[in-house]
Amino acid sequence: MARPNKWLNSLTGTMQINPDEYSPNTSPNRVASLGYAIAGWLYMLRRQKNTRIQAVATVFVLGLALWLQIDFLSMAILILAVTMVWMAEFINAAVEAAINLGTTERHPMAQVGKDVASAAVLLGAVASILIGLLVLMPPLISKLGWSG
């Protein structure tokens, strides 16, 4: 009898885990899952101040892009940049909620988890701002007639 390949088991072991055996809250219903996702987004808009700022910034940036009539590829790049920040913010909130659920005490590793998740949002925001400037500034300068 051949010994199981440890490398292969390390690759396929996780996919063998059935989440229904460990979580009473898994949903086989795709419509319900979509509802949970929308509920999460609404929670973020209601309870996370930074998300409301992001919503205003998103509307402003996409409105400016439409006013400048940027091309489809540039719009796609902006949408990806904006989405990157939204996703980082959502993951940051999820990490913070899980850490808060896991401990009520201040623990150095809990602080690391929260700070690193927050840094991901900062990284995404800085990258998004730079992308926005690179994509929007040339057509804005041209539209306003600011060429030297």
C-alpha atoms as a PDB file:
ATOM      1  CA  MET A   1       0.000   0.000   0.000  1.00  0.00           C
ATOM      2  CA  ALA A   2       1.465   3.359  -1.040  1.00  0.00           C
ATOM      3  CA  ARG A   3       1.786   6.173   1.480  1.00  0.00           C
ATOM      4  CA  PRO A   4      -0.371   9.216   0.699  1.00  0.00           C
ATOM      5  CA  ASN A   5       1.572  12.047  -0.799  1.00  0.00           C
ATOM      6  CA  LYS A   6       1.871  14.767   1.888  1.00  0.00           C
ATOM      7  CA  TRP A   7       2.244  17.500  -0.731  1.00  0.00           C
ATOM      8  CA  LEU A   8      -0.931  16.421  -2.531  1.00  0.00           C
ATOM      9  CA  ASN A   9      -2.801  16.205   0.779  1.00  0.00           C
ATOM     10  CA  SER A  10      -1.683  19.722   1.700  1.00  0.00           C
ATOM     11  CA  LEU A  11      -3.133  20.973  -1.576  1.00  0.00           C
ATOM     12  CA  THR A  12      -6.418  19.079  -1.443  1.00  0.00           C
ATOM     13  CA  GLY A  13      -7.049  18.828   2.299  1.00  0.00           C
ATOM     14  CA  THR A  14      -8.941  22.095   2.653  1.00  0.00           C
ATOM     15  CA  MET A  15     -11.320  21.305  -0.203  1.00  0.00           C
ATOM     16  CA  GLN A  16     -12.364  18.133   1.618  1.00  0.00           C
ATOM     17  CA  ILE A  17     -13.763  20.137   4.555  1.00  0.00           C
ATOM     18  CA  ASN A  18     -17.547  20.469   4.488  1.00  0.00           C
ATOM     19  CA  PRO A  19     -18.519  23.828   6.052  1.00  0.00           C
ATOM     20  CA  ASP A  20     -21.995  22.489   6.897  1.00  0.00           C
ATOM     21  CA  GLU A  21     -20.348  20.207   9.472  1.00  0.00           C
ATOM     22  CA  TYR A  22     -18.821  23.165  11.324  1.00  0.00           C
ATOM     23  CA  SER A  23     -21.158  26.105  10.829  1.00  0.00           C
ATOM     24  CA  PRO A  24     -24.883  26.218  11.480  1.00  0.00           C
ATOM     25  CA  ASN A  25     -25.138  29.359   9.344  1.00  0.00           C
ATOM     26  CA  THR A  26     -24.259  28.177   5.832  1.00  0.00           C
ATOM     27  CA  SER A  27     -26.919  28.859   3.241  1.00  0.00           C
ATOM     28  CA  PRO A  28     -27.511  26.582   0.251  1.00  0.00           C
ATOM     29  CA  ASN A  29     -29.889  29.219  -1.138  1.00  0.00           C
ATOM     30  CA  ARG A  30     -28.136  31.631  -3.551  1.00  0.00           C
ATOM     31  CA  VAL A  31     -30.885  34.237  -3.232  1.00  0.00           C
ATOM     32  CA  ALA A  32     -30.535  34.216   0.562  1.00  0.00           C
ATOM     33  CA  SER A  33     -26.752  34.498   0.188  1.00  0.00           C
ATOM     34  CA  LEU A  34     -27.212  37.559  -2.010  1.00  0.00           C
ATOM     35  CA  GLY A  35     -29.481  39.003   0.674  1.00  0.00           C
ATOM     36  CA  TYR A  36     -26.791  38.452   3.304  1.00  0.00           C
ATOM     37  CA  ALA A  37     -24.258  40.238   1.108  1.00  0.00           C
ATOM     38  CA  ILE A  38     -26.593  43.205   0.626  1.00  0.00           C
ATOM     39  CA  ALA A  39     -27.258  43.243   4.379  1.00  0.00           C
ATOM     40  CA  GLY A  40     -23.496  43.418   4.943  1.00  0.00           C
ATOM     41  CA  TRP A  41     -23.173  46.341   2.539  1.00  0.00           C
ATOM     42  CA  LEU A  42     -26.057  48.167   4.216  1.00  0.00           C
ATOM     43  CA  TYR A  43     -24.450  47.511   7.611  1.00  0.00           C
ATOM     44  CA  MET A  44     -21.239  49.075   6.332  1.00  0.00           C
ATOM     45  CA  LEU A  45     -23.055  52.158   5.055  1.00  0.00           C
ATOM     46  CA  ARG A  46     -24.943  52.562   8.330  1.00  0.00           C
ATOM     47  CA  ARG A  47     -22.269  51.722  10.883  1.00  0.00           C
ATOM     48  CA  GLN A  48     -18.914  52.532   9.284  1.00  0.00           C
ATOM     49  CA  LYS A  49     -18.252  56.247   8.789  1.00  0.00           C
ATOM     50  CA  ASN A  50     -15.420  55.673   6.319  1.00  0.00           C
ATOM     51  CA  THR A  51     -17.762  53.761   4.042  1.00  0.00           C
ATOM     52  CA  ARG A  52     -20.079  56.748   3.779  1.00  0.00           C
ATOM     53  CA  ILE A  53     -17.082  58.904   2.830  1.00  0.00           C
ATOM     54  CA  GLN A  54     -16.147  56.271   0.243  1.00  0.00           C
ATOM     55  CA  ALA A  55     -19.687  56.332  -1.158  1.00  0.00           C
ATOM     56  CA  VAL A  56     -19.502  60.105  -1.672  1.00  0.00           C
ATOM     57  CA  ALA A  57     -16.017  59.810  -3.183  1.00  0.00           C
ATOM     58  CA  THR A  58     -17.193  57.017  -5.489  1.00  0.00           C
ATOM     59  CA  VAL A  59     -20.138  59.041  -6.774  1.00  0.00           C
ATOM     60  CA  PHE A  60     -17.892  62.089  -7.253  1.00  0.00           C
ATOM     61  CA  VAL A  61     -15.141  60.204  -9.105  1.00  0.00           C
ATOM     62  CA  LEU A  62     -17.515  58.273 -11.363  1.00  0.00           C
ATOM     63  CA  GLY A  63     -19.561  61.419 -12.006  1.00  0.00           C
ATOM     64  CA  LEU A  64     -16.387  63.309 -12.928  1.00  0.00           C
ATOM     65  CA  ALA A  65     -15.339  60.460 -15.208  1.00  0.00           C
ATOM     66  CA  LEU A  66     -18.713  60.572 -16.983  1.00  0.00           C
ATOM     67  CA  TRP A  67     -18.518  64.367 -17.306  1.00  0.00           C
ATOM     68  CA  LEU A  68     -15.033  64.051 -18.792  1.00  0.00           C
ATOM     69  CA  GLN A  69     -16.327  61.336 -21.143  1.00  0.00           C
ATOM     70  CA  ILE A  70     -13.336  59.098 -20.497  1.00  0.00           C
ATOM     71  CA  ASP A  71     -12.970  55.968 -22.609  1.00  0.00           C
ATOM     72  CA  PHE A  72     -14.245  52.536 -21.540  1.00  0.00           C
ATOM     73  CA  LEU A  73     -10.819  51.198 -20.554  1.00  0.00           C
ATOM     74  CA  SER A  74     -10.127  54.197 -18.328  1.00  0.00           C
ATOM     75  CA  MET A  75     -13.567  53.825 -16.746  1.00  0.00           C
ATOM     76  CA  ALA A  76     -12.869  50.134 -16.125  1.00  0.00           C
ATOM     77  CA  ILE A  77      -9.584  51.035 -14.427  1.00  0.00           C
ATOM     78  CA  LEU A  78     -11.364  53.564 -12.199  1.00  0.00           C
ATOM     79  CA  ILE A  79     -14.057  51.027 -11.304  1.00  0.00           C
ATOM     80  CA  LEU A  80     -11.393  48.485 -10.373  1.00  0.00           C
ATOM     81  CA  ALA A  81      -9.566  51.042  -8.219  1.00  0.00           C
ATOM     82  CA  VAL A  82     -12.755  52.090  -6.423  1.00  0.00           C
ATOM     83  CA  THR A  83     -13.796  48.468  -5.933  1.00  0.00           C
ATOM     84  CA  MET A  84     -10.378  47.642  -4.472  1.00  0.00           C
ATOM     85  CA  VAL A  85     -10.893  50.235  -1.728  1.00  0.00           C
ATOM     86  CA  TRP A  86     -14.465  49.101  -1.007  1.00  0.00           C
ATOM     87  CA  MET A  87     -13.343  45.474  -0.743  1.00  0.00           C
ATOM     88  CA  ALA A  88     -10.435  46.336   1.540  1.00  0.00           C
ATOM     89  CA  GLU A  89     -12.765  48.339   3.795  1.00  0.00           C
ATOM     90  CA  PHE A  90     -15.261  45.470   3.963  1.00  0.00           C
ATOM     91  CA  ILE A  91     -12.551  42.918   4.755  1.00  0.00           C
ATOM     92  CA  ASN A  92     -11.111  45.274   7.378  1.00  0.00           C
ATOM     93  CA  ALA A  93     -14.505  45.509   9.094  1.00  0.00           C
ATOM     94  CA  ALA A  94     -14.900  41.723   8.975  1.00  0.00           C
ATOM     95  CA  VAL A  95     -11.442  41.186  10.502  1.00  0.00           C
ATOM     96  CA  GLU A  96     -12.174  43.711  13.249  1.00  0.00           C
ATOM     97  CA  ALA A  97     -15.544  42.089  14.018  1.00  0.00           C
ATOM     98  CA  ALA A  98     -13.983  38.628  14.204  1.00  0.00           C
ATOM     99  CA  ILE A  99     -11.195  39.869  16.470  1.00  0.00           C
ATOM    100  CA  ASN A 100     -13.673  41.693  18.720  1.00  0.00           C
ATOM    101  CA  LEU A 101     -15.765  38.538  18.919  1.00  0.00           C
ATOM    102  CA  GLY A 102     -12.702  36.447  19.742  1.00  0.00           C
ATOM    103  CA  THR A 103     -11.410  38.547  22.626  1.00  0.00           C
ATOM    104  CA  THR A 104     -12.481  41.395  24.852  1.00  0.00           C
ATOM    105  CA  GLU A 105      -8.938  41.911  26.126  1.00  0.00           C
ATOM    106  CA  ARG A 106      -6.280  43.998  24.445  1.00  0.00           C
ATOM    107  CA  HIS A 107      -3.881  41.498  22.954  1.00  0.00           C
ATOM    108  CA  PRO A 108      -0.818  42.436  20.885  1.00  0.00           C
ATOM    109  CA  MET A 109      -1.755  39.991  18.105  1.00  0.00           C
ATOM    110  CA  ALA A 110      -5.316  41.332  18.010  1.00  0.00           C
ATOM    111  CA  GLN A 111      -3.799  44.782  17.518  1.00  0.00           C
ATOM    112  CA  VAL A 112      -1.589  43.430  14.721  1.00  0.00           C
ATOM    113  CA  GLY A 113      -4.622  41.918  12.991  1.00  0.00           C
ATOM    114  CA  LYS A 114      -6.595  45.141  13.195  1.00  0.00           C
ATOM    115  CA  ASP A 115      -3.684  47.362  12.171  1.00  0.00           C
ATOM    116  CA  VAL A 116      -2.696  45.193   9.210  1.00  0.00           C
ATOM    117  CA  ALA A 117      -6.294  45.027   7.962  1.00  0.00           C
ATOM    118  CA  SER A 118      -6.504  48.797   8.309  1.00  0.00           C
ATOM    119  CA  ALA A 119      -3.212  49.185   6.441  1.00  0.00           C
ATOM    120  CA  ALA A 120      -4.738  47.235   3.546  1.00  0.00           C
ATOM    121  CA  VAL A 121      -7.441  49.899   3.301  1.00  0.00           C
ATOM    122  CA  LEU A 122      -4.825  52.663   3.392  1.00  0.00           C
ATOM    123  CA  LEU A 123      -2.788  50.950   0.682  1.00  0.00           C
ATOM    124  CA  GLY A 124      -5.869  50.562  -1.506  1.00  0.00           C
ATOM    125  CA  ALA A 125      -6.907  54.173  -0.939  1.00  0.00           C
ATOM    126  CA  VAL A 126      -3.463  55.560  -1.819  1.00  0.00           C
ATOM    127  CA  ALA A 127      -3.287  53.394  -4.950  1.00  0.00           C
ATOM    128  CA  SER A 128      -6.830  54.419  -5.885  1.00  0.00           C
ATOM    129  CA  ILE A 129      -6.004  58.118  -5.513  1.00  0.00           C
ATOM    130  CA  LEU A 130      -2.903  57.740  -7.686  1.00  0.00           C
ATOM    131  CA  ILE A 131      -4.880  55.821 -10.319  1.00  0.00           C
ATOM    132  CA  GLY A 132      -7.618  58.453 -10.219  1.00  0.00           C
ATOM    133  CA  LEU A 133      -5.087  61.237 -10.751  1.00  0.00           C
ATOM    134  CA  LEU A 134      -3.395  59.407 -13.626  1.00  0.00           C
ATOM    135  CA  VAL A 135      -6.689  58.625 -15.347  1.00  0.00           C
ATOM    136  CA  LEU A 136      -8.638  61.830 -14.668  1.00  0.00           C
ATOM    137  CA  MET A 137      -6.079  64.636 -14.616  1.00  0.00           C
ATOM    138  CA  PRO A 138      -5.144  64.685 -18.336  1.00  0.00           C
ATOM    139  CA  PRO A 139      -8.754  64.905 -19.571  1.00  0.00           C
ATOM    140  CA  LEU A 140      -9.628  67.364 -16.772  1.00  0.00           C
ATOM    141  CA  ILE A 141      -6.717  69.637 -17.698  1.00  0.00           C
ATOM    142  CA  SER A 142      -7.736  69.432 -21.345  1.00  0.00           C
ATOM    143  CA  LYS A 143     -11.434  70.096 -20.652  1.00  0.00           C
ATOM    144  CA  LEU A 144     -10.671  73.122 -18.462  1.00  0.00           C
ATOM    145  CA  GLY A 145      -8.152  74.471 -20.920  1.00  0.00           C
ATOM    146  CA  TRP A 146      -5.265  74.516 -18.421  1.00  0.00           C
ATOM    147  CA  SER A 147      -2.633  73.422 -20.911  1.00  0.00           C
ATOM    148  CA  GLY A 148       0.525  75.469 -20.584  1.00  0.00           C
END
